[in-house]
Amino acid sequence: MAAALLNAGSVISHCPLDGVETARWNENELDIINKWAFQGEKIIHGNPSGVDNAVGTWGGALKYKAGEITPLKRVPVLRILLTNTKVPRSTKILVAGVRDRLKKFPGIINPVLDSIDAVSCKCEHVLEEIAEHPSLSHYCVLEELFDINQQHLNVLGVGHPSLDRLCQVTLSHGLHSKLTGAGGGGCGITLLRPDTDASVIVAVLQELRDCGYDCWETNIGAPGVSLHVPSALREEILHAVSGL
């Protein structure tokens, strides 16, 4: 949205598509897009981390720690299912709840936060290994990390029965899921191994939609905000855009 408005107002260039289907703005213009997108995040969430707007702008994957955001250098493209449980939630309320739980049980919650940090560091290491020498064993490790992380997030109080249901449905098909974002409903992601059979994906999508969820197959680690010619967009995206 920030890129579209800045482009329409000629604050950033029109990013000419000279015979290509997709183009990116230069670093300075991407920085402008990121800063304005962050202002939108502040209006919605109050005190956001800046991760969402940053990864949406720059693409790939980012590491956030102690308020500092750094890009991961070697990131493989991972196939996932993105599921919207359609359960509304307030990021402000969820963050406040975690803060209150930390104040009430510091001896319990601090070790959980330390463990989440260790999970993140291990995940970063595995992603680098996949980028260099991919093997199915790496995906098995990621699946375990998904499960551990989801359990930790439940301990922090940001889980929800709708997310538990997502994890149960996908696990019944041999797939592993976790919440993404603030939790408390909202969205979850499911890791798809390279050897995941198409019939499994079809079955999972149908079962999740039967639960009333919206679900799509997509990728993690893709490029950030870009300018596309219409012919480069998938049919379902063109259909969605035409309805705006």
Protein backbone atom coordinates (compact mmCIF):
# COMPACT_ATOMS: atom_id res chain seq x y z
CA MET A 1 0.00 0.00 0.00
CA ALA A 2 2.81 2.42 0.91
CA ALA A 3 4.60 1.72 -2.37
CA ALA A 4 1.42 2.21 -4.41
CA LEU A 5 0.57 5.54 -2.74
CA LEU A 6 4.16 6.82 -2.96
CA ASN A 7 4.28 5.78 -6.61
CA ALA A 8 0.96 7.46 -7.36
CA GLY A 9 2.19 10.64 -5.70
CA SER A 10 5.50 10.52 -7.64
CA VAL A 11 7.45 10.45 -4.38
CA ILE A 12 9.24 7.40 -5.74
CA SER A 13 9.98 6.62 -9.39
CA HIS A 14 7.64 4.70 -11.64
CA CYS A 15 10.25 1.93 -11.85
CA PRO A 16 10.26 1.35 -15.64
CA LEU A 17 9.66 -2.21 -16.79
CA ASP A 18 11.95 -2.29 -19.84
CA GLY A 19 10.98 -5.60 -21.38
CA VAL A 20 10.74 -7.38 -18.00
CA GLU A 21 7.68 -8.50 -16.05
CA THR A 22 8.89 -7.44 -12.60
CA ALA A 23 11.12 -4.61 -11.36
CA ARG A 24 12.32 -3.27 -8.00
CA TRP A 25 13.01 0.23 -6.78
CA ASN A 26 16.50 1.34 -5.80
CA GLU A 27 17.78 1.13 -2.22
CA ASN A 28 16.97 4.74 -1.34
CA GLU A 29 13.40 4.41 -2.59
CA LEU A 30 12.93 1.10 -0.80
CA ASP A 31 14.03 2.83 2.39
CA ILE A 32 11.32 5.47 1.84
CA ILE A 33 8.71 2.75 1.26
CA ASN A 34 9.82 0.97 4.43
CA LYS A 35 9.61 4.11 6.57
CA TRP A 36 6.11 4.99 5.37
CA ALA A 37 4.92 1.39 5.75
CA PHE A 38 6.20 1.51 9.33
CA GLN A 39 4.03 4.58 9.99
CA GLY A 40 1.03 2.54 8.88
CA GLU A 41 2.07 -0.25 11.25
CA LYS A 42 2.23 2.25 14.12
CA ILE A 43 -1.33 3.40 13.43
CA ILE A 44 -2.60 -0.18 13.45
CA HIS A 45 -0.50 -1.75 16.21
CA GLY A 46 0.68 1.15 18.38
CA ASN A 47 4.26 0.00 19.07
CA PRO A 48 5.24 -2.43 16.30
CA SER A 49 8.61 -4.12 15.97
CA GLY A 50 9.12 -2.97 12.39
CA VAL A 51 9.64 -6.53 11.19
CA ASP A 52 6.50 -6.80 9.05
CA ASN A 53 7.11 -3.65 7.03
CA ALA A 54 10.83 -4.43 6.73
CA VAL A 55 10.41 -7.96 5.38
CA GLY A 56 7.59 -6.76 3.11
CA THR A 57 9.91 -4.13 1.69
CA TRP A 58 13.25 -5.93 1.47
CA GLY A 59 12.05 -9.52 1.11
CA GLY A 60 13.99 -12.61 2.12
CA ALA A 61 14.10 -13.23 5.87
CA LEU A 62 15.07 -10.99 8.75
CA LYS A 63 16.34 -11.49 12.28
CA TYR A 64 14.89 -9.30 15.02
CA LYS A 65 16.63 -9.12 18.37
CA ALA A 66 16.64 -6.39 21.03
CA GLY A 67 15.05 -3.93 18.59
CA GLU A 68 17.67 -4.54 15.89
CA ILE A 69 16.65 -5.92 12.49
CA THR A 70 19.27 -7.61 10.30
CA PRO A 71 18.74 -9.55 7.04
CA LEU A 72 19.73 -13.20 6.86
CA LYS A 73 22.38 -13.61 4.19
CA ARG A 74 21.53 -17.07 2.88
CA VAL A 75 17.84 -17.87 2.83
CA PRO A 76 16.25 -20.75 0.90
CA VAL A 77 12.78 -20.40 -0.54
CA LEU A 78 10.47 -22.50 1.63
CA ARG A 79 7.05 -23.71 0.54
CA ILE A 80 4.34 -23.18 3.12
CA LEU A 81 0.61 -23.12 3.58
CA LEU A 82 -0.62 -19.81 4.96
CA THR A 83 -3.87 -20.18 6.89
CA ASN A 84 -6.14 -17.43 8.11
CA THR A 85 -8.30 -18.70 10.96
CA LYS A 86 -10.48 -15.59 10.59
CA VAL A 87 -10.39 -15.14 14.37
CA PRO A 88 -9.91 -11.40 15.07
CA ARG A 89 -7.34 -10.37 17.64
CA SER A 90 -5.64 -7.27 19.00
CA THR A 91 -1.85 -7.23 18.86
CA LYS A 92 -1.80 -4.56 21.57
CA ILE A 93 -3.84 -6.72 23.96
CA LEU A 94 -1.80 -9.85 23.25
CA VAL A 95 1.53 -8.07 23.77
CA ALA A 96 0.22 -6.56 27.00
CA GLY A 97 -0.83 -10.03 28.14
CA VAL A 98 2.66 -11.43 27.57
CA ARG A 99 4.15 -8.48 29.45
CA ASP A 100 1.80 -9.06 32.38
CA ARG A 101 2.60 -12.76 32.46
CA LEU A 102 6.33 -11.95 32.47
CA LYS A 103 5.88 -9.60 35.41
CA LYS A 104 3.82 -12.16 37.30
CA PHE A 105 6.01 -15.21 36.61
CA PRO A 106 9.50 -13.94 35.67
CA GLY A 107 11.21 -17.14 36.82
CA ILE A 108 9.01 -19.15 34.46
CA ILE A 109 8.59 -16.84 31.46
CA ASN A 110 12.19 -15.62 31.14
CA PRO A 111 13.50 -19.18 30.52
CA VAL A 112 10.74 -19.65 27.92
CA LEU A 113 11.86 -16.48 26.14
CA ASP A 114 15.47 -17.69 26.29
CA SER A 115 14.39 -20.99 24.76
CA ILE A 116 12.51 -19.18 21.97
CA ASP A 117 15.72 -17.28 21.24
CA ALA A 118 17.63 -20.58 21.07
CA VAL A 119 15.00 -22.00 18.69
CA SER A 120 15.38 -18.94 16.46
CA CYS A 121 19.18 -19.25 16.40
CA LYS A 122 18.97 -22.94 15.54
CA CYS A 123 16.45 -22.18 12.80
CA GLU A 124 18.77 -19.56 11.31
CA HIS A 125 21.59 -22.12 11.25
CA VAL A 126 19.40 -24.77 9.58
CA LEU A 127 18.19 -22.30 6.94
CA GLU A 128 21.79 -21.48 6.06
CA GLU A 129 22.53 -25.21 5.72
CA ILE A 130 19.49 -25.70 3.47
CA ALA A 131 20.65 -22.83 1.25
CA GLU A 132 24.08 -24.45 0.86
CA HIS A 133 23.38 -28.21 0.91
CA PRO A 134 19.65 -28.98 1.10
CA SER A 135 18.51 -32.35 2.40
CA LEU A 136 15.27 -33.72 3.79
CA SER A 137 16.87 -34.12 7.22
CA HIS A 138 17.04 -30.33 7.49
CA TYR A 139 13.28 -30.10 7.00
CA CYS A 140 12.74 -32.65 9.75
CA VAL A 141 14.67 -30.39 12.12
CA LEU A 142 12.60 -27.39 11.05
CA GLU A 143 9.43 -29.38 11.76
CA GLU A 144 10.62 -30.07 15.30
CA LEU A 145 11.47 -26.41 15.78
CA PHE A 146 7.97 -25.47 14.57
CA ASP A 147 6.45 -27.73 17.23
CA ILE A 148 8.71 -26.49 20.03
CA ASN A 149 8.11 -22.86 19.13
CA GLN A 150 4.34 -23.30 18.99
CA GLN A 151 4.31 -24.89 22.43
CA HIS A 152 6.39 -22.05 23.83
CA LEU A 153 3.99 -19.49 22.34
CA ASN A 154 1.09 -21.27 24.00
CA VAL A 155 2.91 -20.94 27.32
CA LEU A 156 3.23 -17.20 26.70
CA GLY A 157 -0.55 -17.02 26.31
CA VAL A 158 -0.77 -16.11 22.62
CA GLY A 159 -2.23 -19.39 21.41
CA HIS A 160 -5.88 -19.99 20.51
CA PRO A 161 -8.15 -23.03 19.95
CA SER A 162 -8.36 -22.12 16.26
CA LEU A 163 -4.58 -22.39 15.99
CA ASP A 164 -4.60 -25.65 17.95
CA ARG A 165 -7.10 -26.98 15.42
CA LEU A 166 -4.84 -25.90 12.56
CA CYS A 167 -1.92 -27.80 14.10
CA GLN A 168 -4.08 -30.89 14.69
CA VAL A 169 -5.44 -30.98 11.14
CA THR A 170 -2.06 -30.58 9.47
CA LEU A 171 -0.32 -33.02 11.82
CA SER A 172 -2.91 -35.66 10.93
CA HIS A 173 -1.47 -35.42 7.41
CA GLY A 174 2.16 -35.46 8.58
CA LEU A 175 2.67 -31.69 8.36
CA HIS A 176 3.76 -29.27 11.08
CA SER A 177 2.31 -25.81 11.78
CA LYS A 178 2.73 -22.83 14.08
CA LEU A 179 1.16 -19.44 14.53
CA THR A 180 2.60 -16.42 12.77
CA GLY A 181 2.20 -12.82 13.82
CA ALA A 182 0.62 -11.84 17.11
CA GLY A 183 -1.27 -15.08 17.70
CA GLY A 184 -4.59 -15.22 19.53
CA GLY A 185 -6.19 -16.41 16.29
CA GLY A 186 -5.10 -14.68 13.12
CA CYS A 187 -2.80 -16.68 10.85
CA GLY A 188 -0.61 -19.77 10.99
CA ILE A 189 1.94 -21.33 8.67
CA THR A 190 2.50 -24.96 7.72
CA LEU A 191 5.86 -26.16 6.44
CA LEU A 192 5.79 -28.17 3.20
CA ARG A 193 8.76 -30.47 2.70
CA PRO A 194 10.06 -30.78 -0.89
CA ASP A 195 8.74 -34.36 -0.98
CA THR A 196 5.22 -33.44 0.16
CA ASP A 197 2.79 -35.12 -2.23
CA ALA A 198 0.35 -32.87 -4.07
CA SER A 199 -2.56 -35.05 -2.93
CA VAL A 200 -1.65 -34.35 0.71
CA ILE A 201 -1.71 -30.62 0.08
CA VAL A 202 -5.11 -30.84 -1.63
CA ALA A 203 -6.52 -32.87 1.27
CA VAL A 204 -5.15 -30.46 3.90
CA LEU A 205 -6.45 -27.40 2.05
CA GLN A 206 -9.91 -28.91 1.84
CA GLU A 207 -10.00 -29.92 5.50
CA LEU A 208 -8.84 -26.49 6.65
CA ARG A 209 -11.44 -24.80 4.49
CA ASP A 210 -14.04 -27.13 5.97
CA CYS A 211 -13.00 -25.66 9.34
CA GLY A 212 -13.97 -22.25 7.97
CA TYR A 213 -10.39 -21.11 7.41
CA ASP A 214 -8.90 -19.45 4.34
CA CYS A 215 -5.74 -21.18 3.14
CA TRP A 216 -3.20 -20.65 0.37
CA GLU A 217 0.06 -22.21 -0.76
CA THR A 218 2.89 -19.69 -0.99
CA ASN A 219 6.62 -19.24 -0.33
CA ILE A 220 8.82 -17.79 2.41
CA GLY A 221 12.01 -16.07 1.34
CA ALA A 222 10.57 -14.42 -1.76
CA PRO A 223 11.58 -10.92 -2.95
CA GLY A 224 10.05 -7.87 -1.29
CA VAL A 225 7.76 -5.22 -2.73
CA SER A 226 7.97 -5.11 -6.51
CA LEU A 227 6.25 -3.58 -9.52
CA HIS A 228 4.61 -6.11 -11.83
CA VAL A 229 3.05 -5.97 -15.27
CA PRO A 230 -0.45 -7.53 -15.24
CA SER A 231 0.68 -10.52 -17.31
CA ALA A 232 3.12 -11.52 -14.54
CA LEU A 233 0.36 -11.94 -11.96
CA ARG A 234 -1.48 -15.17 -11.24
CA GLU A 235 -5.13 -15.32 -12.27
CA GLU A 236 -6.45 -15.32 -8.70
CA ILE A 237 -4.45 -12.16 -7.89
CA LEU A 238 -5.73 -10.39 -10.99
CA HIS A 239 -9.27 -11.39 -10.02
CA ALA A 240 -8.79 -10.02 -6.50
CA VAL A 241 -7.29 -6.76 -7.76
CA SER A 242 -10.07 -6.26 -10.32
CA GLY A 243 -12.60 -6.37 -7.50
CA LEU A 244 -11.05 -3.44 -5.63
